[in-house]
Amino acid sequence: MRHLLVAVSGFTPQVVTETAWALLTEHRVPLDEAVVITTRAGRARLEAELLGTDGQWQRLCAEYAPEGRPVPLSVQVVSGPEGELDDIRTRGEHEAVRDTVFGLLRELTMAPDTALHCSLAGGRKSMGYLLGAGLQFFGRPTDRLYHVLVTPLEVERPGVAFYFPPRTAGPVLVSAAGSAPQPLRVNRDGRSVLLTADQVGIELSEVPVCRVGKLVEFVAPA
């Protein structure tokens, strides 16, 4: 059985590594591949933060993937009549996302002996919804849908550099515009304390999916 992570992402690519970390550690899923659906601007964020020889995705695989082997991650950028989308603002752009997400799920679920682990946490709300809706039409008993939950709330502040809990936990860093990264301090019982990576909680909540693919035929709206 091959296990594939399918995620949607926008300007918060850390949802991809957070979800993958939880699958690899808490759920003991030996990921074989990851596919991320995003926009052109989202791809730039993925390339800057996750990909590359020393990106956060490679660090995650080295620490937590089975035998430390690299897990291939591919990026699928949503395209419309005018080419790759930078954002999803119009009805036509929303429909392009629908066609991309549904088309990818239709293709991936045709492969035998595979299990999809889909994360709806990233990107525009419509992207997550369409991923869940597509899994209703095309999902099989082996396929799952998740939402990733991260605590404390301060980790989700802009500029916070947290992607997954490394085995050697250090302080969580935060960057302000034009300044060097600094340790993130949080308020606890009226005291300002440093937040370390091992204090960050990541959980995957499985979202119920009503699989109707064998009962109805999917027809895209005109």
Protein backbone atom coordinates (compact mmCIF):
# COMPACT_ATOMS: atom_id res chain seq x y z
CA MET A 1 0.00 0.00 0.00
CA ARG A 2 1.37 3.41 -1.03
CA HIS A 3 0.50 6.37 1.19
CA LEU A 4 0.11 9.82 -0.38
CA LEU A 5 -0.33 13.14 1.40
CA VAL A 6 -2.56 15.52 -0.60
CA ALA A 7 -2.70 19.09 0.73
CA VAL A 8 -3.86 22.55 -0.29
CA SER A 9 -1.62 25.46 0.61
CA GLY A 10 -1.41 29.22 0.31
CA PHE A 11 0.77 31.58 2.34
CA THR A 12 1.19 29.16 5.26
CA PRO A 13 3.21 26.23 3.88
CA GLN A 14 3.93 25.04 7.41
CA VAL A 15 0.54 23.28 7.39
CA VAL A 16 2.11 20.78 4.98
CA THR A 17 5.01 19.87 7.28
CA GLU A 18 2.80 19.95 10.38
CA THR A 19 0.34 17.51 8.80
CA ALA A 20 3.11 15.27 7.52
CA TRP A 21 4.79 15.23 10.95
CA ALA A 22 1.57 14.15 12.63
CA LEU A 23 0.98 11.43 10.04
CA LEU A 24 4.52 10.10 10.38
CA THR A 25 4.69 10.19 14.18
CA GLU A 26 1.23 10.00 15.73
CA HIS A 27 -0.55 7.99 13.04
CA ARG A 28 2.48 5.90 12.00
CA VAL A 29 1.75 6.45 8.29
CA PRO A 30 4.85 5.68 6.16
CA LEU A 31 4.40 8.43 3.58
CA ASP A 32 5.62 7.59 0.08
CA GLU A 33 4.75 10.84 -1.69
CA ALA A 34 3.21 14.28 -1.17
CA VAL A 35 1.26 16.49 -3.58
CA VAL A 36 0.44 20.13 -2.78
CA ILE A 37 -2.18 22.13 -4.69
CA THR A 38 -1.56 25.87 -4.60
CA THR A 39 -1.37 29.11 -6.59
CA ARG A 40 1.66 30.64 -8.26
CA ALA A 41 2.24 32.85 -5.21
CA GLY A 42 1.79 29.81 -2.96
CA ARG A 43 4.38 27.88 -4.95
CA ALA A 44 6.89 30.68 -4.33
CA ARG A 45 6.31 30.29 -0.58
CA LEU A 46 6.72 26.52 -0.79
CA GLU A 47 9.96 26.87 -2.72
CA ALA A 48 11.33 29.48 -0.32
CA GLU A 49 10.46 27.69 2.91
CA LEU A 50 10.01 23.96 2.31
CA LEU A 51 11.85 22.91 -0.82
CA GLY A 52 15.50 23.00 -1.76
CA THR A 53 18.46 21.06 -0.42
CA ASP A 54 18.11 22.51 3.09
CA GLY A 55 14.38 23.20 3.11
CA GLN A 56 12.04 22.28 5.94
CA TRP A 57 10.55 19.37 3.98
CA GLN A 58 13.95 17.75 3.58
CA ARG A 59 14.69 18.31 7.28
CA LEU A 60 11.39 16.69 8.22
CA CYS A 61 12.10 13.64 6.06
CA ALA A 62 15.62 13.26 7.41
CA GLU A 63 14.35 13.20 11.00
CA TYR A 64 11.03 11.37 10.77
CA ALA A 65 10.52 9.55 7.46
CA PRO A 66 11.16 5.78 7.53
CA GLU A 67 14.95 5.29 7.46
CA GLY A 68 15.30 9.02 6.86
CA ARG A 69 14.59 8.60 3.16
CA PRO A 70 13.43 11.55 1.08
CA VAL A 71 9.70 11.69 0.38
CA PRO A 72 9.02 13.21 -3.07
CA LEU A 73 6.91 16.38 -2.91
CA SER A 74 5.35 17.75 -6.08
CA VAL A 75 3.53 21.06 -6.49
CA GLN A 76 0.46 21.44 -8.71
CA VAL A 77 -0.36 25.08 -9.48
CA VAL A 78 -3.98 25.89 -10.32
CA SER A 79 -4.32 27.19 -13.88
CA GLY A 80 -7.16 29.01 -15.60
CA PRO A 81 -7.72 30.31 -19.14
CA GLU A 82 -5.08 33.01 -18.58
CA GLY A 83 -2.50 30.63 -17.13
CA GLU A 84 -1.35 29.96 -13.57
CA LEU A 85 -3.37 31.75 -10.87
CA ASP A 86 -1.78 34.13 -8.36
CA ASP A 87 -4.90 34.14 -6.17
CA ILE A 88 -8.51 32.98 -6.06
CA ARG A 89 -10.75 36.05 -6.22
CA THR A 90 -13.27 35.50 -8.99
CA ARG A 91 -15.84 32.88 -9.92
CA GLY A 92 -13.70 31.74 -12.84
CA GLU A 93 -10.68 31.29 -10.57
CA HIS A 94 -12.79 29.34 -8.08
CA GLU A 95 -13.96 27.06 -10.88
CA ALA A 96 -10.35 26.53 -11.95
CA VAL A 97 -9.55 25.35 -8.42
CA ARG A 98 -12.53 23.00 -8.52
CA ASP A 99 -11.41 21.48 -11.80
CA THR A 100 -7.81 21.09 -10.60
CA VAL A 101 -8.70 19.52 -7.25
CA PHE A 102 -11.36 17.19 -8.64
CA GLY A 103 -9.19 16.20 -11.58
CA LEU A 104 -6.25 15.34 -9.35
CA LEU A 105 -8.38 13.33 -6.93
CA ARG A 106 -10.04 11.47 -9.79
CA GLU A 107 -6.59 10.54 -11.15
CA LEU A 108 -5.06 9.56 -7.80
CA THR A 109 -7.98 7.41 -6.71
CA MET A 110 -7.77 5.36 -9.90
CA ALA A 111 -4.43 3.91 -8.78
CA PRO A 112 -4.85 0.60 -6.93
CA ASP A 113 -3.16 -0.13 -3.61
CA THR A 114 -2.96 3.53 -2.62
CA ALA A 115 -4.29 5.49 0.34
CA LEU A 116 -4.77 9.26 0.23
CA HIS A 117 -4.30 11.35 3.37
CA CYS A 118 -5.88 14.71 2.54
CA SER A 119 -5.32 17.89 4.55
CA LEU A 120 -7.80 20.76 4.18
CA ALA A 121 -6.00 23.19 6.50
CA GLY A 122 -4.18 25.46 4.03
CA GLY A 123 -5.03 27.94 1.30
CA ARG A 124 -8.29 29.76 0.76
CA LYS A 125 -11.33 28.30 2.52
CA SER A 126 -12.78 27.27 -0.82
CA MET A 127 -9.69 25.16 -1.55
CA GLY A 128 -10.12 23.13 1.62
CA TYR A 129 -13.83 22.73 1.01
CA LEU A 130 -13.31 21.54 -2.55
CA LEU A 131 -10.71 19.01 -1.41
CA GLY A 132 -13.22 17.57 1.04
CA ALA A 133 -16.04 17.65 -1.50
CA GLY A 134 -13.87 15.93 -4.10
CA LEU A 135 -13.05 13.18 -1.64
CA GLN A 136 -16.78 12.60 -1.18
CA PHE A 137 -17.13 11.90 -4.90
CA PHE A 138 -13.92 10.01 -5.54
CA GLY A 139 -12.75 8.76 -2.15
CA ARG A 140 -12.37 5.07 -1.33
CA PRO A 141 -12.41 3.31 2.05
CA THR A 142 -8.62 3.70 2.25
CA ASP A 143 -8.72 7.51 1.86
CA ARG A 144 -8.86 9.93 4.79
CA LEU A 145 -9.50 13.66 5.36
CA TYR A 146 -7.86 15.64 8.17
CA HIS A 147 -7.62 19.08 9.73
CA VAL A 148 -4.39 19.96 11.55
CA LEU A 149 -4.63 21.71 14.92
CA VAL A 150 -1.66 23.59 16.40
CA THR A 151 -1.27 25.08 19.88
CA PRO A 152 -0.49 27.55 21.35
CA LEU A 153 -2.12 30.28 19.30
CA GLU A 154 1.04 32.41 19.27
CA VAL A 155 2.68 29.94 16.85
CA GLU A 156 0.30 31.11 14.13
CA ARG A 157 1.49 34.72 14.32
CA PRO A 158 3.00 36.18 11.12
CA GLY A 159 6.75 35.72 10.97
CA VAL A 160 6.91 32.71 13.30
CA ALA A 161 9.33 30.11 11.92
CA PHE A 162 7.77 26.86 13.12
CA TYR A 163 7.24 23.91 10.77
CA PHE A 164 7.42 20.77 12.94
CA PRO A 165 8.94 19.75 16.29
CA PRO A 166 12.57 18.76 15.61
CA ARG A 167 14.09 15.99 17.69
CA THR A 168 16.49 18.51 19.19
CA ALA A 169 14.12 21.22 20.34
CA GLY A 170 15.29 24.81 20.49
CA PRO A 171 13.42 28.12 20.87
CA VAL A 172 10.75 28.99 18.33
CA LEU A 173 11.94 32.02 16.34
CA VAL A 174 9.94 34.98 15.06
CA SER A 175 11.04 37.63 12.57
CA ALA A 176 9.77 41.17 12.21
CA ALA A 177 10.24 43.13 9.02
CA GLY A 178 13.85 44.21 8.63
CA SER A 179 15.10 42.55 11.81
CA ALA A 180 16.96 39.36 12.63
CA PRO A 181 14.98 36.39 14.02
CA GLN A 182 14.42 36.49 17.77
CA PRO A 183 13.18 33.83 20.22
CA LEU A 184 9.40 33.93 20.55
CA ARG A 185 8.19 34.93 24.00
CA VAL A 186 4.66 34.15 25.21
CA ASN A 187 2.67 35.22 28.23
CA ARG A 188 2.06 32.51 30.79
CA ASP A 189 0.33 33.43 34.04
CA GLY A 190 1.51 37.01 33.75
CA ARG A 191 5.11 36.01 32.97
CA SER A 192 6.95 36.33 29.67
CA VAL A 193 8.61 32.99 28.86
CA LEU A 194 10.47 31.56 25.89
CA LEU A 195 8.50 29.11 23.74
CA THR A 196 10.48 26.05 22.66
CA ALA A 197 9.55 23.71 19.83
CA ASP A 198 8.81 20.80 22.15
CA GLN A 199 6.07 22.89 23.79
CA VAL A 200 4.12 23.17 20.53
CA GLY A 201 1.27 20.71 20.14
CA ILE A 202 0.20 19.29 16.77
CA GLU A 203 -2.85 17.08 16.38
CA LEU A 204 -4.71 15.73 13.39
CA SER A 205 -8.48 15.64 13.64
CA GLU A 206 -10.07 13.26 11.14
CA VAL A 207 -13.00 14.79 9.29
CA PRO A 208 -15.92 12.48 8.39
CA VAL A 209 -16.38 11.86 4.67
CA CYS A 210 -19.61 10.61 3.12
CA ARG A 211 -18.33 8.64 0.13
CA VAL A 212 -20.99 8.67 -2.57
CA GLY A 213 -18.87 7.98 -5.64
CA LYS A 214 -20.40 4.56 -6.30
CA LEU A 215 -23.94 5.90 -5.89
CA VAL A 216 -23.92 9.00 -8.10
CA GLU A 217 -22.11 10.24 -11.19
CA PHE A 218 -20.21 13.47 -10.75
CA VAL A 219 -21.03 16.16 -13.31
CA ALA A 220 -19.25 19.50 -12.99
CA PRO A 221 -21.54 22.57 -12.87
CA ALA A 222 -21.93 24.30 -16.23
